[in-house]
Protein backbone atom coordinates (compact mmCIF):
# COMPACT_ATOMS: atom_id res chain seq x y z
CA MET A 1 -33.10 -38.46 -81.86
CA ARG A 2 -35.28 -37.24 -78.84
CA ALA A 3 -33.52 -39.98 -76.87
CA VAL A 4 -29.96 -38.89 -78.16
CA MET A 5 -30.61 -34.69 -77.68
CA MET A 6 -31.92 -35.31 -74.40
CA ILE A 7 -28.97 -37.06 -73.30
CA LEU A 8 -26.57 -34.40 -75.26
CA PHE A 9 -29.06 -31.83 -72.94
CA VAL A 10 -28.23 -33.47 -69.35
CA ALA A 11 -24.36 -34.22 -69.90
CA VAL A 12 -24.17 -30.18 -71.26
CA SER A 13 -25.80 -29.14 -68.48
CA ALA A 14 -23.98 -31.43 -65.85
CA CYS A 15 -21.11 -29.46 -67.21
CA PHE A 16 -22.53 -26.29 -66.33
CA LEU A 17 -23.44 -27.51 -62.96
CA VAL A 18 -20.19 -28.96 -61.80
CA PRO A 19 -18.99 -25.39 -61.44
CA VAL A 20 -21.93 -23.70 -59.70
CA SER A 21 -21.60 -26.26 -57.22
CA ILE A 22 -17.91 -25.85 -56.58
CA ALA A 23 -18.43 -22.07 -56.22
CA ALA A 24 -21.25 -22.20 -54.12
CA SER A 25 -19.71 -24.52 -51.67
CA PRO A 26 -19.47 -22.37 -48.20
CA PRO A 27 -15.59 -22.15 -47.29
CA ALA A 28 -14.07 -23.93 -44.62
CA PRO A 29 -14.24 -23.72 -40.68
CA LEU A 30 -11.42 -21.91 -39.79
CA HIS A 31 -9.76 -24.50 -36.39
CA VAL A 32 -9.41 -22.38 -33.37
CA TYR A 33 -7.90 -24.92 -30.90
CA LEU A 34 -7.40 -24.81 -26.91
CA ASP A 35 -4.54 -27.36 -25.60
CA ALA A 36 -5.36 -27.47 -21.56
CA ASP A 37 -6.28 -29.76 -19.03
CA MET A 38 -10.09 -30.35 -18.69
CA THR A 39 -9.24 -32.99 -16.14
CA GLY A 40 -6.80 -31.73 -13.60
CA ALA A 41 -7.42 -28.69 -13.69
CA LYS A 42 -10.76 -28.84 -15.36
CA ALA A 43 -12.37 -25.11 -14.20
CA SER A 44 -9.31 -23.37 -15.43
CA GLY A 45 -10.05 -24.94 -19.03
CA ILE A 46 -13.91 -24.72 -19.01
CA ALA A 47 -13.49 -21.37 -18.34
CA ILE A 48 -10.74 -20.65 -20.84
CA GLU A 49 -12.79 -22.36 -23.50
CA ARG A 50 -16.07 -20.43 -22.52
CA GLY A 51 -14.22 -16.72 -22.34
CA ILE A 52 -13.29 -17.99 -26.22
CA ARG A 53 -16.57 -18.88 -27.49
CA THR A 54 -18.02 -15.60 -25.88
CA ALA A 55 -15.66 -13.01 -27.33
CA LEU A 56 -16.10 -15.10 -30.96
CA ALA A 57 -19.78 -15.03 -30.28
CA GLU A 58 -19.25 -11.33 -30.63
CA GLU A 59 -18.17 -11.89 -34.22
CA GLY A 60 -21.27 -14.34 -34.76
CA PHE A 61 -18.48 -17.25 -34.76
CA ARG A 62 -16.77 -15.77 -38.35
CA LEU A 63 -13.52 -14.01 -39.08
CA ALA A 64 -12.99 -12.30 -42.13
CA GLY A 65 -15.90 -14.05 -43.11
CA ARG A 66 -15.42 -17.61 -42.61
CA PRO A 67 -16.88 -19.55 -39.89
CA VAL A 68 -14.86 -20.56 -37.12
CA GLU A 69 -14.89 -23.42 -35.10
CA VAL A 70 -13.40 -24.37 -31.90
CA VAL A 71 -11.41 -28.08 -31.02
CA VAL A 72 -10.77 -28.56 -27.36
CA LEU A 73 -8.10 -31.15 -26.43
CA ASP A 74 -7.28 -32.59 -23.01
CA HIS A 75 -3.27 -32.17 -22.57
CA ARG A 76 -4.22 -33.84 -18.62
CA GLY A 77 -1.32 -31.68 -17.01
CA ASN A 78 1.00 -33.84 -19.29
CA SER A 79 3.64 -32.29 -21.38
CA ALA A 80 3.94 -35.57 -24.01
CA ARG A 81 0.32 -35.14 -24.19
CA SER A 82 0.39 -31.83 -25.34
CA LEU A 83 2.97 -32.65 -27.95
CA VAL A 84 1.28 -34.75 -29.50
CA ASN A 85 -1.31 -32.50 -29.30
CA LEU A 86 0.33 -29.63 -30.66
CA LYS A 87 1.23 -32.38 -33.63
CA LYS A 88 -2.27 -32.53 -34.20
CA PHE A 89 -2.75 -29.16 -35.31
CA LEU A 90 0.13 -29.01 -37.57
CA SER A 91 -1.71 -31.68 -39.32
CA ASP A 92 -4.71 -29.93 -39.34
CA PRO A 93 -4.73 -28.00 -42.60
CA ASP A 94 -7.75 -25.59 -41.20
CA ALA A 95 -5.65 -25.10 -37.82
CA PHE A 96 -5.15 -21.41 -37.44
CA VAL A 97 -4.59 -20.32 -33.49
CA LEU A 98 -3.99 -22.75 -30.94
CA PHE A 99 -4.84 -21.37 -27.18
CA ALA A 100 -2.88 -22.40 -23.90
CA GLY A 101 -4.07 -24.03 -20.35
CA LEU A 102 -3.23 -23.16 -17.05
CA HIS A 103 -0.25 -25.02 -17.09
CA SER A 104 3.43 -24.03 -17.73
CA PRO A 105 5.34 -26.88 -17.78
CA PRO A 106 3.69 -27.92 -21.85
CA LEU A 107 4.07 -24.49 -23.28
CA LEU A 108 7.94 -24.51 -21.35
CA ALA A 109 9.00 -27.87 -22.61
CA HIS A 110 7.94 -27.17 -26.29
CA LYS A 111 8.71 -23.92 -26.72
CA GLU A 112 11.08 -23.94 -29.27
CA PHE A 113 8.86 -26.84 -31.12
CA ILE A 114 6.41 -24.07 -31.30
CA ASN A 115 8.27 -21.11 -33.12
CA ASP A 116 10.26 -23.07 -35.14
CA ASN A 117 7.23 -24.90 -36.34
CA LYS A 118 5.17 -21.67 -36.02
CA ILE A 119 2.70 -22.12 -34.67
CA LEU A 120 0.41 -18.56 -33.62
CA THR A 121 -0.20 -19.38 -29.52
CA LEU A 122 -2.31 -17.30 -27.44
CA ASP A 123 -1.64 -17.76 -23.48
CA PRO A 124 -4.74 -16.81 -21.36
CA TRP A 125 -3.17 -18.33 -18.43
CA ALA A 126 -0.11 -20.51 -17.63
CA ALA A 127 2.52 -17.57 -15.75
CA ALA A 128 6.54 -18.76 -16.15
CA GLY A 129 8.19 -16.12 -17.36
CA PRO A 130 10.12 -18.03 -19.98
CA ILE A 131 7.17 -18.81 -22.02
CA THR A 132 7.29 -15.21 -23.80
CA ARG A 133 10.88 -15.02 -24.15
CA PRO A 134 12.77 -17.53 -26.46
CA ALA A 135 16.78 -17.44 -26.20
CA ALA A 136 16.95 -17.54 -29.60
CA GLY A 137 14.69 -17.19 -33.32
CA ASP A 138 11.17 -15.78 -34.21
CA ASN A 139 8.28 -15.54 -30.99
CA TRP A 140 5.06 -17.14 -31.43
CA ILE A 141 3.77 -17.19 -28.39
CA PHE A 142 1.37 -14.41 -27.08
CA ARG A 143 0.45 -14.02 -23.51
CA LEU A 144 -2.19 -11.95 -21.73
CA SER A 145 -1.65 -13.42 -18.01
CA VAL A 146 0.15 -12.55 -14.94
CA ASP A 147 3.92 -12.38 -15.53
CA ASP A 148 6.22 -14.50 -13.36
CA THR A 149 9.37 -12.38 -13.69
CA LYS A 150 6.83 -9.35 -12.15
CA ALA A 151 4.36 -11.96 -10.30
CA GLY A 152 6.96 -12.97 -7.64
CA ALA A 153 7.52 -8.87 -6.95
CA VAL A 154 4.03 -8.32 -6.59
CA ILE A 155 3.68 -11.39 -3.89
CA THR A 156 6.90 -9.68 -2.07
CA ARG A 157 5.55 -6.54 -1.77
CA ARG A 158 2.16 -7.51 -0.59
CA ALA A 159 3.33 -9.69 1.91
CA VAL A 160 6.04 -7.51 3.16
CA ASP A 161 5.00 -3.77 2.32
CA GLU A 162 1.69 -4.00 2.65
CA ARG A 163 1.11 -6.95 5.05
CA GLY A 164 4.30 -6.25 7.12
CA PHE A 165 5.78 -9.74 7.27
CA SER A 166 9.15 -10.29 7.76
CA LYS A 167 10.11 -13.61 7.48
CA PRO A 168 8.95 -15.38 4.42
CA ALA A 169 9.07 -19.19 3.90
CA LEU A 170 8.42 -20.15 0.21
CA LEU A 171 6.60 -23.20 -0.83
CA LEU A 172 6.93 -23.89 -4.75
CA GLU A 173 6.07 -26.68 -6.50
CA ASN A 174 9.01 -28.90 -8.07
CA THR A 175 8.52 -27.68 -11.72
CA GLY A 176 9.89 -24.61 -14.25
CA TRP A 177 6.63 -22.60 -12.96
CA GLY A 178 8.37 -22.99 -9.35
CA LYS A 179 12.23 -22.51 -10.41
CA SER A 180 10.94 -19.44 -12.14
CA ASN A 181 9.35 -17.98 -8.74
CA LEU A 182 11.83 -18.91 -6.37
CA LYS A 183 14.28 -16.64 -8.70
CA THR A 184 11.53 -13.34 -8.57
CA MET A 185 10.65 -14.28 -5.54
CA THR A 186 14.15 -13.88 -4.15
CA ALA A 187 15.68 -11.68 -5.85
CA SER A 188 12.61 -9.34 -4.55
CA LEU A 189 12.96 -10.28 -1.02
CA LYS A 190 16.96 -9.73 -1.83
CA MET A 191 16.17 -5.25 -2.39
CA ARG A 192 14.50 -5.70 0.62
CA ASN A 193 17.19 -6.75 2.87
CA LEU A 194 15.30 -10.26 3.07
CA THR A 195 15.70 -14.14 2.74
CA PRO A 196 13.76 -16.31 2.75
CA VAL A 197 13.63 -18.29 5.57
CA THR A 198 13.37 -21.58 4.55
CA VAL A 199 12.48 -23.07 0.50
CA THR A 200 10.70 -25.91 0.20
CA ARG A 201 9.79 -27.80 -3.29
CA PHE A 202 7.03 -30.69 -3.34
CA GLU A 203 6.06 -32.77 -6.24
CA TRP A 204 2.56 -33.06 -7.75
CA GLY A 205 0.36 -35.25 -6.14
CA VAL A 206 1.47 -34.73 -2.14
CA SER A 207 0.58 -36.49 0.41
CA LEU A 208 -1.82 -35.18 3.16
CA ALA A 209 0.87 -36.52 5.39
CA GLY A 210 4.06 -35.00 3.84
CA ALA A 211 2.00 -31.81 3.78
CA LYS A 212 1.58 -32.00 7.36
CA ILE A 213 5.63 -32.15 7.78
CA PHE A 214 6.96 -29.75 5.49
CA LEU A 215 4.35 -27.21 7.63
CA ARG A 216 6.04 -27.57 10.71
CA ASN A 217 9.23 -27.64 9.15
CA ILE A 218 8.54 -24.11 8.01
CA ARG A 219 6.53 -23.09 11.46
CA LYS A 220 9.77 -24.60 13.23
CA ALA A 221 12.04 -22.88 10.43
CA GLY A 222 10.68 -19.66 12.09
CA ALA A 223 8.19 -18.06 9.63
CA ASP A 224 5.53 -15.82 9.73
CA VAL A 225 4.43 -15.91 6.45
CA ILE A 226 3.95 -18.46 2.93
CA PHE A 227 4.74 -17.37 -0.14
CA LEU A 228 3.01 -20.94 -2.03
CA VAL A 229 2.94 -21.39 -5.68
CA ALA A 230 0.92 -24.49 -5.91
CA ASN A 231 -2.30 -25.40 -8.57
CA ALA A 232 -5.39 -27.04 -7.72
CA PRO A 233 -4.97 -30.25 -6.49
CA GLU A 234 -1.51 -29.54 -4.69
CA GLY A 235 -3.21 -26.49 -2.68
CA LYS A 236 -5.95 -27.99 -1.50
CA THR A 237 -3.71 -30.79 0.07
CA ILE A 238 -1.23 -27.91 1.85
CA CYS A 239 -5.01 -25.92 2.69
CA LYS A 240 -6.11 -29.01 4.17
CA ALA A 241 -3.30 -29.61 5.85
CA MET A 242 -3.02 -26.23 7.65
CA HIS A 243 -6.94 -26.27 8.13
CA GLU A 244 -5.57 -29.28 10.08
CA LEU A 245 -3.03 -28.09 12.35
CA PRO A 246 -3.44 -26.42 15.49
CA ALA A 247 -4.55 -22.89 15.10
CA SER A 248 -1.79 -21.42 17.09
CA ASP A 249 0.29 -23.31 14.19
CA ARG A 250 -1.37 -21.83 10.80
CA LEU A 251 0.14 -18.96 9.05
CA PRO A 252 -1.00 -16.53 6.72
CA ILE A 253 -0.28 -17.91 2.78
CA VAL A 254 -0.15 -15.17 0.04
CA SER A 255 -0.43 -17.64 -3.10
CA HIS A 256 0.24 -17.64 -6.61
CA TRP A 257 -3.49 -18.05 -8.74
CA GLY A 258 -2.84 -20.98 -9.43
CA ILE A 259 -4.84 -22.80 -6.52
CA THR A 260 -7.97 -20.86 -7.97
CA GLY A 261 -7.88 -23.58 -11.60
CA GLY A 262 -9.78 -26.37 -9.80
CA ASP A 263 -12.12 -27.29 -7.59
CA PHE A 264 -10.43 -25.38 -4.47
CA PRO A 265 -13.34 -23.75 -2.76
CA GLN A 266 -15.33 -27.07 -2.94
CA VAL A 267 -13.21 -28.58 -0.89
CA ILE A 268 -11.55 -25.92 1.27
CA THR A 269 -14.85 -24.81 2.36
CA ALA A 270 -16.32 -21.57 3.41
CA GLU A 271 -15.99 -22.91 7.16
CA MET A 272 -11.98 -24.61 6.41
CA ARG A 273 -11.31 -20.74 4.85
CA LYS A 274 -12.67 -18.68 8.01
CA GLN A 275 -9.63 -20.53 10.01
CA LEU A 276 -6.61 -20.02 7.05
CA ASP A 277 -5.78 -16.26 6.69
CA LEU A 278 -5.25 -17.13 3.14
CA GLU A 279 -4.76 -14.91 -0.33
CA PHE A 280 -3.46 -15.09 -4.28
CA ILE A 281 -2.83 -12.99 -7.08
CA GLN A 282 -5.20 -11.84 -9.37
CA THR A 283 -5.57 -9.12 -12.98
CA ARG A 284 -8.11 -6.19 -12.21
CA PHE A 285 -11.41 -7.35 -13.10
CA SER A 286 -14.08 -9.29 -11.55
CA PHE A 287 -17.82 -10.17 -12.41
CA MET A 288 -18.68 -10.05 -9.19
CA ASP A 289 -18.04 -6.39 -8.28
CA MET A 290 -18.15 -5.26 -12.06
CA GLY A 291 -20.78 -1.92 -11.20
CA GLU A 292 -21.90 -0.20 -14.22
CA SER A 293 -19.24 -1.72 -16.79
CA ALA A 294 -21.01 -1.42 -20.02
CA LEU A 295 -18.82 -4.01 -21.13
CA GLY A 296 -18.57 -6.88 -18.53
CA ASN A 297 -22.48 -6.62 -18.05
CA LYS A 298 -22.98 -7.30 -21.72
CA VAL A 299 -20.14 -9.93 -21.47
CA PHE A 300 -21.75 -11.86 -18.39
CA GLN A 301 -25.29 -11.65 -20.32
CA GLU A 302 -23.55 -13.22 -23.54
CA ALA A 303 -22.01 -16.05 -21.44
CA VAL A 304 -25.88 -16.70 -19.88
CA ALA A 305 -27.33 -16.69 -23.36
CA LEU A 306 -24.48 -19.20 -24.36
CA PHE A 307 -23.99 -21.28 -21.15
CA PRO A 308 -27.03 -22.37 -19.24
CA GLU A 309 -24.64 -23.10 -15.99
CA VAL A 310 -24.30 -19.58 -15.50
CA LYS A 311 -27.23 -17.82 -14.09
CA GLU A 312 -25.08 -15.38 -11.86
CA PRO A 313 -21.87 -13.93 -11.98
CA SER A 314 -20.35 -16.12 -8.84
CA ASP A 315 -21.39 -19.05 -11.89
CA ILE A 316 -18.02 -18.27 -13.87
CA THR A 317 -15.92 -20.15 -11.98
CA ALA A 318 -11.97 -20.03 -12.39
CA PRO A 319 -13.37 -16.46 -13.63
CA THR A 320 -9.39 -15.72 -14.27
CA GLY A 321 -9.65 -17.66 -17.48
CA PHE A 322 -12.41 -16.61 -18.73
CA ILE A 323 -11.36 -13.29 -18.36
CA HIS A 324 -8.17 -13.32 -20.38
CA ALA A 325 -9.22 -15.68 -22.66
CA PHE A 326 -12.08 -13.31 -23.40
CA ASP A 327 -9.77 -10.49 -23.88
CA LEU A 328 -7.08 -12.22 -26.11
CA THR A 329 -9.47 -13.57 -28.36
CA ARG A 330 -10.99 -10.16 -28.58
CA LEU A 331 -7.36 -9.34 -29.68
CA LEU A 332 -7.20 -11.73 -31.72
CA VAL A 333 -10.09 -10.32 -33.63
CA ALA A 334 -8.73 -7.49 -34.17
CA ALA A 335 -5.40 -8.22 -35.55
CA VAL A 336 -7.58 -10.43 -38.33
CA LYS A 337 -10.00 -7.23 -38.93
CA GLN A 338 -6.74 -5.10 -39.39
CA CYS A 339 -4.59 -8.52 -41.75
CA GLY A 340 -7.56 -10.12 -43.11
CA LEU A 341 -7.07 -13.30 -44.52
CA THR A 342 -5.82 -15.01 -47.93
CA GLY A 343 -6.82 -18.61 -47.23
CA ASP A 344 -3.11 -19.22 -46.91
CA MET A 345 -2.72 -20.98 -43.52
CA SER A 346 0.79 -20.52 -43.03
CA LYS A 347 0.64 -17.15 -44.54
CA ASP A 348 -2.49 -15.90 -42.46
CA ARG A 349 -0.51 -16.95 -39.28
CA ALA A 350 2.55 -14.52 -39.72
CA MET A 351 -0.05 -12.13 -41.36
CA VAL A 352 -1.72 -11.70 -37.89
CA ARG A 353 1.35 -12.37 -35.21
CA HIS A 354 2.42 -9.25 -37.11
CA ALA A 355 -0.86 -7.44 -36.69
CA LEU A 356 -0.78 -8.71 -32.94
CA GLU A 357 2.58 -6.66 -32.93
CA ASP A 358 1.83 -3.29 -34.46
CA LEU A 359 -2.17 -3.44 -33.36
CA LYS A 360 -3.91 0.51 -35.04
CA SER A 361 -6.31 0.92 -33.44
CA PRO A 362 -7.43 0.14 -29.00
CA VAL A 363 -9.22 -3.03 -28.46
CA GLN A 364 -11.78 -2.51 -25.81
CA GLY A 365 -11.17 -5.37 -22.94
CA LEU A 366 -12.55 -6.41 -19.56
CA ILE A 367 -9.09 -5.56 -17.92
CA LYS A 368 -8.27 -2.32 -19.48
CA ASN A 369 -8.22 -0.84 -22.84
CA TYR A 370 -5.08 -2.05 -24.73
CA GLN A 371 -3.02 -0.12 -26.85
CA HIS A 372 -0.47 -1.09 -28.61
CA PRO A 373 -0.34 -4.48 -26.25
CA PHE A 374 2.32 -6.68 -28.57
CA ARG A 375 5.35 -5.25 -29.51
CA LYS A 376 7.92 -7.14 -32.53
CA TYR A 377 10.26 -9.44 -30.26
CA SER A 378 13.63 -8.75 -28.97
CA PHE A 379 16.54 -9.23 -26.22
CA LYS A 380 16.29 -5.03 -26.34
CA ASP A 381 11.95 -5.05 -25.26
CA MET A 382 11.52 -8.46 -23.14
CA ASP A 383 8.06 -7.49 -22.59
CA ALA A 384 7.13 -7.18 -26.26
CA HIS A 385 4.60 -10.23 -26.13
CA GLU A 386 2.81 -9.73 -22.48
CA ALA A 387 0.17 -7.28 -22.73
CA LEU A 388 -0.48 -6.98 -18.68
CA GLY A 389 2.17 -5.37 -16.27
CA GLU A 390 2.45 -5.02 -12.98
CA ASN A 391 0.06 -2.60 -12.68
CA ASP A 392 -2.80 -4.82 -14.00
CA TYR A 393 -2.21 -7.05 -10.67
CA THR A 394 -3.99 -7.09 -7.50
CA PHE A 395 -5.34 -9.86 -4.88
CA GLY A 396 -8.05 -12.02 -3.89
CA ARG A 397 -9.94 -14.16 -1.52
CA TYR A 398 -12.76 -16.80 -2.11
CA ASN A 399 -16.13 -15.18 0.09
CA GLU A 400 -18.42 -17.60 1.47
CA ASP A 401 -20.60 -18.53 -1.76
CA ASP A 402 -17.14 -19.54 -3.02
CA ALA A 403 -16.87 -16.50 -5.84
CA ILE A 404 -13.44 -14.67 -6.11
CA ILE A 405 -13.86 -11.35 -4.44
CA LEU A 406 -10.87 -8.64 -5.62
CA ILE A 407 -9.22 -6.92 -2.13
CA ARG A 408 -9.40 -3.36 -3.90
């Protein structure tokens, strides 16, 4: 009888223990994905990841009470790999939001797939204009970065209005990003009664010899400045080719910022840069001259605590990626706080998308104080998913320590 009673006691106890252990189980982590080039433009990917992590650290890596994990996927600048990563996101029941990387082509190639599958996508770098402007249907992509529908005009204004050049040559990578800049740069020049003296398109992986040939042809065409749209690998080759030309044949370069996404300053050294006239578009915040900015100094100290490699502001390489990803993650956090989460991932993504389009309270970021940065997208409001505008852009140069200094 005693043995029977013991068995019954254990059985009854087990019945009560099972639901208790289930109730005590911690919630599954929300997965914040980063789909970026962690190989060819590794510096940009690392910068974006660190910006995300620093903003999440302010929240104790929790959103609406749930723990958050950052999942990094490397598409290596390849659109096909990016599609595989998007499908991996969709197969993950805890996938919440996806951050994009430096390259525009993966987003341009899969924009319809993203919107059709309602993948909440945040873009802290890729600049091609059509990314946030679908031809039809819903818009699930939000950008806090330079927008190429405006960048061409800003580069033209800098080169022509501020620096006095009048015979630009356009040197553009042969991608959707290059095509969008060709359109906006040409239109901006036309408004000033100017046309490019020549337009040169190049493929990824251009050789040094090939770069020297088209630079000489640009010089022969009578150009007095080059508008460059390139990423770091091709930018390094082009600038090395320019440096190897006779000093009298070197032309000033006003560039898009793609060149800053890799190890450009380590290859095109400070000594080489002294012999080049090179500047590139940036947005209006820099850890290098943040002065008494309370948030800037606080964020830098958080980065120092999180990442052992960061000891000085110059250690935040490809700073654009860090700064934009930090601000964009802050907007995401604000949206989650505004709408809450239900645990139904599809519903939660939709709720956060709606909250991003209608943020009730301003959000302080590194670049600025964001008040209604996004709105519901429509063809009457093509900038609705753009957090930044022309007034948020400026230009920068590399200093002797390979850090980016803004041209104030």
